[in-house]
Amino acid sequence: MPSPVELSDGDLVLRPWRDDDPATIGYTPRDPEISVYLGAPLSGAFPPPDPDAPWFAIVENGDPVGRIWFAGWKRPFEVGYYLRPDARGRGLATRSLDIVCTWMAEQGEETIELCTHPDNERSQRVAERAGFRRAGEVEQYARFKDGTTRALRYVWP
């Protein structure tokens, strides 16, 4: 996979993630509103960075508003994303998924996975609008804050 590039559909840009993006966005996966839906590895340890799994900042009209990334060392690739609260409800996550999945397909990826906490209905709707289809459950996916380890699995295309 080539190194990350800048991707766009007009006013929405996905550019390579930078170390200063969490401070610029002002919202991270540790924030209480979304952290309930982002699980920790069951092993307790995050894998080392995967050079083939790109991370992008979601940028609307020059303003970084979120992140979309591919989980390291998983094949098929698994995508994840978040937006800060004021960027939600405008289709940015759906558009970002469409942009990045189309690009990954152009790079030769045939399937992309997305897993979500069973109660995260907003993310499930985003996945479906972006062309993902429900493909079952993963019983031992991650350790979520509410004690759940199960996730719903979606695949694209």
N, C-alpha and C. Protein backbone atom coordinates (compact mmCIF):
# COMPACT_ATOMS: atom_id res chain seq x y z
N MET A 1 0.85 -1.17 0.00
CA MET A 1 0.00 0.00 0.00
C MET A 1 0.89 1.23 0.00
N PRO A 2 0.64 2.18 -0.88
CA PRO A 2 1.44 3.41 -0.89
C PRO A 2 1.20 4.23 0.38
N SER A 3 2.14 5.11 0.67
CA SER A 3 1.96 5.96 1.86
C SER A 3 0.71 6.80 1.68
N PRO A 4 0.10 7.20 2.80
CA PRO A 4 -1.15 7.96 2.70
C PRO A 4 -1.02 9.21 1.84
N VAL A 5 -2.08 9.49 1.19
CA VAL A 5 -2.19 10.64 0.31
C VAL A 5 -3.31 11.52 0.83
N GLU A 6 -3.47 12.67 0.24
CA GLU A 6 -4.62 13.51 0.56
C GLU A 6 -5.76 13.10 -0.35
N LEU A 7 -6.92 12.85 0.24
CA LEU A 7 -8.11 12.43 -0.50
C LEU A 7 -9.18 13.48 -0.31
N SER A 8 -10.05 13.66 -1.30
CA SER A 8 -11.06 14.71 -1.18
C SER A 8 -12.25 14.43 -2.07
N ASP A 9 -13.40 14.99 -1.67
CA ASP A 9 -14.57 15.01 -2.54
C ASP A 9 -15.07 16.45 -2.70
N GLY A 10 -14.19 17.40 -2.53
CA GLY A 10 -14.57 18.82 -2.62
C GLY A 10 -14.19 19.53 -1.34
N ASP A 11 -15.20 19.91 -0.53
CA ASP A 11 -14.91 20.64 0.71
C ASP A 11 -14.48 19.72 1.84
N LEU A 12 -14.61 18.42 1.67
CA LEU A 12 -14.17 17.46 2.68
C LEU A 12 -12.85 16.84 2.24
N VAL A 13 -11.85 16.94 3.10
CA VAL A 13 -10.50 16.44 2.78
C VAL A 13 -10.09 15.44 3.84
N LEU A 14 -9.50 14.35 3.41
CA LEU A 14 -8.84 13.40 4.31
C LEU A 14 -7.35 13.53 4.04
N ARG A 15 -6.63 14.04 5.03
CA ARG A 15 -5.19 14.20 4.86
C ARG A 15 -4.48 13.34 5.90
N PRO A 16 -3.22 13.00 5.66
CA PRO A 16 -2.50 12.17 6.63
C PRO A 16 -2.56 12.78 8.04
N TRP A 17 -2.75 11.90 9.01
CA TRP A 17 -2.84 12.28 10.42
C TRP A 17 -1.50 12.83 10.89
N ARG A 18 -1.55 13.88 11.72
CA ARG A 18 -0.35 14.50 12.28
C ARG A 18 -0.40 14.42 13.80
N ASP A 19 0.75 14.46 14.42
CA ASP A 19 0.84 14.37 15.88
C ASP A 19 0.08 15.47 16.60
N ASP A 20 -0.05 16.65 15.97
CA ASP A 20 -0.74 17.75 16.64
C ASP A 20 -2.25 17.76 16.38
N ASP A 21 -2.77 16.80 15.61
CA ASP A 21 -4.20 16.79 15.30
C ASP A 21 -5.11 16.63 16.52
N PRO A 22 -4.80 15.79 17.51
CA PRO A 22 -5.71 15.72 18.66
C PRO A 22 -5.92 17.08 19.33
N ALA A 23 -4.88 17.86 19.48
CA ALA A 23 -5.02 19.18 20.10
C ALA A 23 -5.80 20.12 19.20
N THR A 24 -5.57 20.04 17.90
CA THR A 24 -6.28 20.90 16.95
C THR A 24 -7.76 20.55 16.90
N ILE A 25 -8.06 19.26 16.88
CA ILE A 25 -9.46 18.82 16.84
C ILE A 25 -10.14 19.14 18.18
N GLY A 26 -9.39 19.01 19.26
CA GLY A 26 -9.93 19.31 20.57
C GLY A 26 -10.85 18.24 21.10
N TYR A 27 -10.80 17.07 20.51
CA TYR A 27 -11.68 15.98 20.89
C TYR A 27 -10.93 14.69 20.61
N THR A 28 -10.91 13.78 21.55
CA THR A 28 -10.16 12.54 21.36
C THR A 28 -11.02 11.34 21.76
N PRO A 29 -10.55 10.14 21.46
CA PRO A 29 -11.30 8.95 21.87
C PRO A 29 -11.43 8.80 23.39
N ARG A 30 -10.72 9.60 24.16
CA ARG A 30 -10.85 9.53 25.63
C ARG A 30 -12.06 10.31 26.14
N ASP A 31 -12.64 11.14 25.31
CA ASP A 31 -13.79 11.92 25.76
C ASP A 31 -14.96 10.99 26.10
N PRO A 32 -15.66 11.29 27.19
CA PRO A 32 -16.69 10.37 27.69
C PRO A 32 -17.80 10.05 26.70
N GLU A 33 -18.14 10.99 25.83
CA GLU A 33 -19.27 10.79 24.93
C GLU A 33 -19.03 9.66 23.93
N ILE A 34 -17.81 9.50 23.47
CA ILE A 34 -17.55 8.43 22.50
C ILE A 34 -16.71 7.29 23.05
N SER A 35 -16.02 7.50 24.16
CA SER A 35 -15.13 6.46 24.66
C SER A 35 -15.87 5.19 25.05
N VAL A 36 -17.15 5.30 25.38
CA VAL A 36 -17.92 4.11 25.72
C VAL A 36 -18.01 3.17 24.52
N TYR A 37 -17.90 3.72 23.32
CA TYR A 37 -18.02 2.91 22.11
C TYR A 37 -16.68 2.50 21.50
N LEU A 38 -15.58 2.93 22.08
CA LEU A 38 -14.25 2.55 21.58
C LEU A 38 -13.63 1.60 22.57
N GLY A 39 -13.42 0.36 22.16
CA GLY A 39 -12.93 -0.66 23.08
C GLY A 39 -11.42 -0.79 23.09
N ALA A 40 -10.94 -1.34 24.18
CA ALA A 40 -9.51 -1.65 24.33
C ALA A 40 -9.29 -3.10 23.92
N PRO A 41 -8.10 -3.39 23.41
CA PRO A 41 -7.82 -4.78 23.03
C PRO A 41 -8.01 -5.73 24.21
N LEU A 42 -8.55 -6.89 23.94
CA LEU A 42 -8.74 -7.89 25.00
C LEU A 42 -7.40 -8.32 25.58
N SER A 43 -6.36 -8.25 24.78
CA SER A 43 -5.02 -8.64 25.26
C SER A 43 -4.44 -7.61 26.23
N GLY A 44 -5.04 -6.42 26.25
CA GLY A 44 -4.53 -5.36 27.11
C GLY A 44 -3.47 -4.50 26.46
N ALA A 45 -2.97 -4.91 25.31
CA ALA A 45 -1.90 -4.16 24.66
C ALA A 45 -2.30 -3.80 23.23
N PHE A 46 -2.03 -2.55 22.85
CA PHE A 46 -2.27 -2.14 21.47
C PHE A 46 -1.10 -2.61 20.62
N PRO A 47 -1.37 -3.06 19.39
CA PRO A 47 -0.26 -3.50 18.53
C PRO A 47 0.61 -2.31 18.12
N PRO A 48 1.83 -2.59 17.71
CA PRO A 48 2.69 -1.50 17.23
C PRO A 48 2.11 -0.91 15.94
N PRO A 49 2.54 0.29 15.57
CA PRO A 49 2.03 0.90 14.33
C PRO A 49 2.24 -0.02 13.13
N ASP A 50 1.27 -0.02 12.25
CA ASP A 50 1.31 -0.80 11.02
C ASP A 50 1.52 0.17 9.86
N PRO A 51 2.65 0.10 9.17
CA PRO A 51 2.91 1.06 8.10
C PRO A 51 1.94 0.97 6.93
N ASP A 52 1.20 -0.11 6.85
CA ASP A 52 0.23 -0.27 5.75
C ASP A 52 -1.18 0.14 6.13
N ALA A 53 -1.38 0.60 7.37
CA ALA A 53 -2.71 0.97 7.86
C ALA A 53 -2.76 2.48 8.06
N PRO A 54 -3.22 3.22 7.05
CA PRO A 54 -3.19 4.69 7.13
C PRO A 54 -4.19 5.27 8.12
N TRP A 55 -3.82 6.44 8.64
CA TRP A 55 -4.68 7.25 9.50
C TRP A 55 -4.83 8.61 8.84
N PHE A 56 -6.04 9.14 8.84
CA PHE A 56 -6.32 10.43 8.23
C PHE A 56 -7.04 11.36 9.20
N ALA A 57 -6.76 12.65 9.07
CA ALA A 57 -7.59 13.67 9.72
C ALA A 57 -8.74 13.97 8.76
N ILE A 58 -9.94 14.12 9.31
CA ILE A 58 -11.10 14.53 8.53
C ILE A 58 -11.16 16.05 8.64
N VAL A 59 -11.05 16.71 7.49
CA VAL A 59 -10.94 18.17 7.47
C VAL A 59 -12.07 18.74 6.62
N GLU A 60 -12.88 19.60 7.24
CA GLU A 60 -13.98 20.25 6.54
C GLU A 60 -13.66 21.73 6.40
N ASN A 61 -13.60 22.20 5.17
CA ASN A 61 -13.32 23.62 4.90
C ASN A 61 -12.08 24.10 5.67
N GLY A 62 -11.04 23.29 5.68
CA GLY A 62 -9.78 23.65 6.33
C GLY A 62 -9.73 23.40 7.82
N ASP A 63 -10.83 22.94 8.43
CA ASP A 63 -10.91 22.74 9.87
C ASP A 63 -10.90 21.25 10.20
N PRO A 64 -9.87 20.73 10.90
CA PRO A 64 -9.88 19.32 11.29
C PRO A 64 -11.01 19.05 12.29
N VAL A 65 -11.88 18.09 11.95
CA VAL A 65 -13.06 17.82 12.76
C VAL A 65 -13.13 16.37 13.25
N GLY A 66 -12.18 15.52 12.85
CA GLY A 66 -12.23 14.13 13.28
C GLY A 66 -11.10 13.32 12.71
N ARG A 67 -11.22 12.03 12.90
CA ARG A 67 -10.18 11.10 12.44
C ARG A 67 -10.84 9.87 11.85
N ILE A 68 -10.20 9.30 10.82
CA ILE A 68 -10.60 8.01 10.25
C ILE A 68 -9.31 7.22 10.05
N TRP A 69 -9.32 5.96 10.46
CA TRP A 69 -8.08 5.18 10.45
C TRP A 69 -8.38 3.72 10.16
N PHE A 70 -7.30 3.01 9.83
CA PHE A 70 -7.36 1.57 9.65
C PHE A 70 -6.58 0.92 10.77
N ALA A 71 -7.20 -0.08 11.39
CA ALA A 71 -6.57 -0.77 12.52
C ALA A 71 -5.34 -1.52 12.04
N GLY A 72 -4.30 -1.42 12.83
CA GLY A 72 -3.03 -2.06 12.47
C GLY A 72 -3.07 -3.57 12.61
N TRP A 73 -2.41 -4.20 11.70
CA TRP A 73 -2.14 -5.64 11.71
C TRP A 73 -3.40 -6.48 11.60
N LYS A 74 -4.47 -5.94 11.05
CA LYS A 74 -5.68 -6.72 10.80
C LYS A 74 -5.89 -6.80 9.29
N ARG A 75 -6.19 -7.98 8.82
CA ARG A 75 -6.54 -8.16 7.42
C ARG A 75 -7.74 -9.09 7.36
N PRO A 76 -8.81 -8.79 6.64
CA PRO A 76 -8.93 -7.55 5.88
C PRO A 76 -8.86 -6.34 6.82
N PHE A 77 -8.53 -5.21 6.22
CA PHE A 77 -8.43 -3.97 6.98
C PHE A 77 -9.75 -3.66 7.68
N GLU A 78 -9.62 -3.10 8.88
CA GLU A 78 -10.79 -2.65 9.63
C GLU A 78 -10.68 -1.14 9.80
N VAL A 79 -11.76 -0.44 9.50
CA VAL A 79 -11.79 1.02 9.56
C VAL A 79 -12.51 1.48 10.83
N GLY A 80 -12.04 2.59 11.38
CA GLY A 80 -12.69 3.23 12.51
C GLY A 80 -12.70 4.74 12.30
N TYR A 81 -13.52 5.45 13.04
CA TYR A 81 -13.62 6.89 12.85
C TYR A 81 -14.28 7.54 14.05
N TYR A 82 -14.08 8.83 14.19
CA TYR A 82 -14.85 9.64 15.14
C TYR A 82 -14.85 11.08 14.65
N LEU A 83 -15.87 11.81 15.06
CA LEU A 83 -16.01 13.23 14.78
C LEU A 83 -16.25 13.96 16.10
N ARG A 84 -15.79 15.20 16.16
CA ARG A 84 -16.13 15.99 17.34
C ARG A 84 -17.63 16.31 17.27
N PRO A 85 -18.24 16.62 18.42
CA PRO A 85 -19.71 16.77 18.45
C PRO A 85 -20.29 17.78 17.47
N ASP A 86 -19.65 18.92 17.27
CA ASP A 86 -20.23 19.93 16.38
C ASP A 86 -20.14 19.56 14.91
N ALA A 87 -19.45 18.45 14.58
CA ALA A 87 -19.33 18.02 13.19
C ALA A 87 -20.27 16.86 12.86
N ARG A 88 -21.01 16.40 13.83
CA ARG A 88 -21.90 15.25 13.61
C ARG A 88 -23.23 15.68 12.99
N GLY A 89 -23.86 14.70 12.33
CA GLY A 89 -25.19 14.92 11.80
C GLY A 89 -25.22 15.63 10.46
N ARG A 90 -24.07 15.78 9.82
CA ARG A 90 -24.01 16.46 8.52
C ARG A 90 -23.48 15.55 7.40
N GLY A 91 -23.34 14.27 7.70
CA GLY A 91 -22.90 13.32 6.68
C GLY A 91 -21.40 13.21 6.51
N LEU A 92 -20.62 13.84 7.37
CA LEU A 92 -19.16 13.83 7.20
C LEU A 92 -18.56 12.45 7.41
N ALA A 93 -19.07 11.69 8.39
CA ALA A 93 -18.54 10.34 8.61
C ALA A 93 -18.88 9.44 7.43
N THR A 94 -20.09 9.53 6.92
CA THR A 94 -20.49 8.72 5.77
C THR A 94 -19.63 9.07 4.56
N ARG A 95 -19.46 10.34 4.30
CA ARG A 95 -18.64 10.77 3.16
C ARG A 95 -17.19 10.33 3.34
N SER A 96 -16.67 10.43 4.56
CA SER A 96 -15.29 10.02 4.82
C SER A 96 -15.11 8.53 4.57
N LEU A 97 -16.06 7.73 5.04
CA LEU A 97 -16.00 6.29 4.77
C LEU A 97 -16.03 6.00 3.27
N ASP A 98 -16.91 6.68 2.56
CA ASP A 98 -17.00 6.48 1.12
C ASP A 98 -15.68 6.82 0.43
N ILE A 99 -15.10 7.95 0.79
CA ILE A 99 -13.84 8.39 0.17
C ILE A 99 -12.73 7.37 0.44
N VAL A 100 -12.56 7.01 1.71
CA VAL A 100 -11.42 6.17 2.07
C VAL A 100 -11.61 4.73 1.59
N CYS A 101 -12.83 4.21 1.61
CA CYS A 101 -13.05 2.85 1.12
C CYS A 101 -12.86 2.76 -0.39
N THR A 102 -13.31 3.77 -1.11
CA THR A 102 -13.08 3.80 -2.55
C THR A 102 -11.59 3.83 -2.85
N TRP A 103 -10.84 4.64 -2.11
CA TRP A 103 -9.39 4.71 -2.30
C TRP A 103 -8.73 3.37 -1.98
N MET A 104 -9.14 2.73 -0.88
CA MET A 104 -8.55 1.44 -0.52
C MET A 104 -8.85 0.39 -1.60
N ALA A 105 -10.05 0.43 -2.16
CA ALA A 105 -10.39 -0.49 -3.24
C ALA A 105 -9.49 -0.26 -4.45
N GLU A 106 -9.21 1.01 -4.75
CA GLU A 106 -8.30 1.33 -5.85
C GLU A 106 -6.89 0.82 -5.59
N GLN A 107 -6.54 0.64 -4.29
CA GLN A 107 -5.23 0.11 -3.92
C GLN A 107 -5.22 -1.41 -3.93
N GLY A 108 -6.36 -2.03 -4.23
CA GLY A 108 -6.43 -3.48 -4.33
C GLY A 108 -7.12 -4.19 -3.18
N GLU A 109 -7.62 -3.45 -2.20
CA GLU A 109 -8.33 -4.09 -1.09
C GLU A 109 -9.74 -4.47 -1.55
N GLU A 110 -10.08 -5.73 -1.38
CA GLU A 110 -11.39 -6.20 -1.82
C GLU A 110 -12.45 -6.09 -0.75
N THR A 111 -12.06 -6.16 0.51
CA THR A 111 -13.00 -6.13 1.61
C THR A 111 -12.46 -5.23 2.71
N ILE A 112 -13.35 -4.47 3.32
CA ILE A 112 -13.01 -3.65 4.48
C ILE A 112 -14.04 -3.96 5.54
N GLU A 113 -13.58 -4.12 6.78
CA GLU A 113 -14.46 -4.41 7.90
C GLU A 113 -14.66 -3.17 8.76
N LEU A 114 -15.76 -3.16 9.47
CA LEU A 114 -16.06 -2.12 10.45
C LEU A 114 -16.79 -2.83 11.58
N CYS A 115 -16.33 -2.66 12.80
CA CYS A 115 -16.99 -3.26 13.96
C CYS A 115 -17.45 -2.14 14.89
N THR A 116 -18.61 -2.33 15.49
CA THR A 116 -19.18 -1.30 16.34
C THR A 116 -19.83 -1.91 17.58
N HIS A 117 -19.79 -1.18 18.65
CA HIS A 117 -20.47 -1.58 19.88
C HIS A 117 -21.94 -1.82 19.54
N PRO A 118 -22.56 -2.85 20.11
CA PRO A 118 -23.95 -3.15 19.77
C PRO A 118 -24.93 -2.01 20.02
N ASP A 119 -24.62 -1.12 20.95
CA ASP A 119 -25.54 0.00 21.24
C ASP A 119 -25.25 1.25 20.42
N ASN A 120 -24.21 1.24 19.61
CA ASN A 120 -23.83 2.44 18.86
C ASN A 120 -24.63 2.52 17.56
N GLU A 121 -25.89 2.83 17.70
CA GLU A 121 -26.80 2.86 16.54
C GLU A 121 -26.41 3.93 15.54
N ARG A 122 -25.89 5.04 16.00
CA ARG A 122 -25.48 6.12 15.09
C ARG A 122 -24.38 5.61 14.14
N SER A 123 -23.39 4.92 14.68
CA SER A 123 -22.30 4.40 13.85
C SER A 123 -22.80 3.30 12.91
N GLN A 124 -23.75 2.51 13.37
CA GLN A 124 -24.32 1.47 12.51
C GLN A 124 -25.03 2.09 11.31
N ARG A 125 -25.77 3.17 11.55
CA ARG A 125 -26.45 3.86 10.43
C ARG A 125 -25.45 4.48 9.47
N VAL A 126 -24.37 5.06 10.01
CA VAL A 126 -23.33 5.63 9.15
C VAL A 126 -22.75 4.53 8.26
N ALA A 127 -22.41 3.39 8.86
CA ALA A 127 -21.83 2.28 8.09
C ALA A 127 -22.77 1.86 6.96
N GLU A 128 -24.04 1.71 7.27
CA GLU A 128 -24.99 1.28 6.25
C GLU A 128 -25.14 2.31 5.14
N ARG A 129 -25.18 3.59 5.50
CA ARG A 129 -25.28 4.64 4.47
C ARG A 129 -24.04 4.66 3.58
N ALA A 130 -22.89 4.24 4.12
CA ALA A 130 -21.65 4.23 3.35
C ALA A 130 -21.47 2.95 2.54
N GLY A 131 -22.47 2.07 2.56
CA GLY A 131 -22.41 0.87 1.73
C GLY A 131 -21.93 -0.38 2.44
N PHE A 132 -21.73 -0.32 3.75
CA PHE A 132 -21.38 -1.52 4.50
C PHE A 132 -22.65 -2.32 4.74
N ARG A 133 -22.49 -3.63 4.84
CA ARG A 133 -23.63 -4.48 5.16
C ARG A 133 -23.31 -5.30 6.41
N ARG A 134 -24.32 -5.54 7.20
CA ARG A 134 -24.15 -6.30 8.43
C ARG A 134 -23.72 -7.72 8.10
N ALA A 135 -22.69 -8.21 8.81
CA ALA A 135 -22.14 -9.53 8.53
C ALA A 135 -21.92 -10.32 9.81
N GLY A 136 -22.82 -10.18 10.76
CA GLY A 136 -22.73 -10.98 11.97
C GLY A 136 -22.18 -10.23 13.16
N GLU A 137 -21.67 -11.01 14.12
CA GLU A 137 -21.14 -10.47 15.36
C GLU A 137 -19.78 -11.08 15.65
N VAL A 138 -19.01 -10.38 16.45
CA VAL A 138 -17.74 -10.89 16.96
C VAL A 138 -17.90 -10.94 18.47
N GLU A 139 -17.90 -12.13 19.04
CA GLU A 139 -18.16 -12.27 20.48
C GLU A 139 -17.05 -11.71 21.36
N GLN A 140 -15.82 -11.91 20.99
CA GLN A 140 -14.67 -11.45 21.78
C GLN A 140 -13.90 -10.42 20.97
N TYR A 141 -14.49 -9.26 20.78
CA TYR A 141 -13.90 -8.23 19.93
C TYR A 141 -12.95 -7.31 20.70
N ALA A 142 -13.47 -6.68 21.76
CA ALA A 142 -12.69 -5.71 22.53
C ALA A 142 -13.34 -5.57 23.90
N ARG A 143 -12.64 -4.89 24.80
CA ARG A 143 -13.18 -4.62 26.12
C ARG A 143 -13.72 -3.19 26.14
N PHE A 144 -15.05 -3.07 26.15
CA PHE A 144 -15.69 -1.77 26.19
C PHE A 144 -15.90 -1.36 27.65
N LYS A 145 -16.07 -0.06 27.87
CA LYS A 145 -16.21 0.46 29.24
C LYS A 145 -17.39 -0.14 29.99
N ASP A 146 -18.44 -0.54 29.29
CA ASP A 146 -19.61 -1.10 29.97
C ASP A 146 -19.49 -2.60 30.22
N GLY A 147 -18.31 -3.17 29.92
CA GLY A 147 -18.07 -4.59 30.14
C GLY A 147 -18.37 -5.47 28.95
N THR A 148 -18.98 -4.91 27.94
CA THR A 148 -19.28 -5.66 26.71
C THR A 148 -17.98 -6.03 26.00
N THR A 149 -17.95 -7.22 25.43
CA THR A 149 -16.82 -7.62 24.57
C THR A 149 -17.30 -7.91 23.15
N ARG A 150 -18.59 -7.93 22.96
CA ARG A 150 -19.19 -8.27 21.66
C ARG A 150 -19.32 -7.03 20.79
N ALA A 151 -19.13 -7.21 19.48
CA ALA A 151 -19.31 -6.12 18.52
C ALA A 151 -20.11 -6.62 17.32
N LEU A 152 -20.79 -5.70 16.68
CA LEU A 152 -21.45 -6.00 15.41
C LEU A 152 -20.44 -5.79 14.30
N ARG A 153 -20.42 -6.71 13.35
CA ARG A 153 -19.44 -6.68 12.26
C ARG A 153 -20.16 -6.28 10.97
N TYR A 154 -19.53 -5.35 10.25
CA TYR A 154 -20.00 -4.89 8.94
C TYR A 154 -18.88 -5.07 7.94
N VAL A 155 -19.24 -5.31 6.67
CA VAL A 155 -18.24 -5.42 5.62
C VAL A 155 -18.61 -4.54 4.43
N TRP A 156 -17.59 -4.11 3.72
CA TRP A 156 -17.74 -3.30 2.51
C TRP A 156 -16.94 -3.97 1.43
N PRO A 157 -17.32 -4.06 0.22
CA PRO A 157 -18.59 -3.60 -0.31
C PRO A 157 -19.70 -4.57 -0.01
